[in-house]
Amino acid sequence: MSTGVIRPMMGRDSQFFWDGTAAGELRIQKCNACGVLRFPPGPACPECHAFDRGHVVAAGTGTVFSYVVHRYPPVPGKELPIVIALVDLDEGVRMVGEVVDAVSDSGADVEIEIGMRLRVDYRTIDDELTLPFWRKA
């Protein structure tokens, strides 16, 4: 099971999200009491404080709100540089994720900008982990 990838924390508040990525779905937590969407997921609604959680399946599209190009230090399982973006999902929540195909082969040029449209894709790491990532729409 050693894949060289930094594994995310998985718990009862986020398991629905990871079950979704394994199924090819980008799931966002929804309060069943008041309908508010939230990411990252948590135990209680930030609006009405209810513990009645559910989820919706997102379209998997959004826009770049902000980004960084990570060049150093090394990241286990990644070839640098990598682009990490804060993505405004069309559903109204923000999510952090890696953007692939945004760096030239030489690593010198970055092809990403604020407002760029992105779509989610998935990479299966092993039987227990499928990670979402982003690419140009």
Foldseek 3Di string as FASTA:
>chain_A
DPLQADDDDDDPQCVVQFVQLVVVFHKWKAAPVPGDTDPPGDQADPPPRDRRIDIDTAPQKFWFQDKDFDADDDRGPDDDGWIWTFTQGPVGYTDIATEPPQADPVRPHGNGDGGFMKGWDWDDRDPRGIDIHIYGD
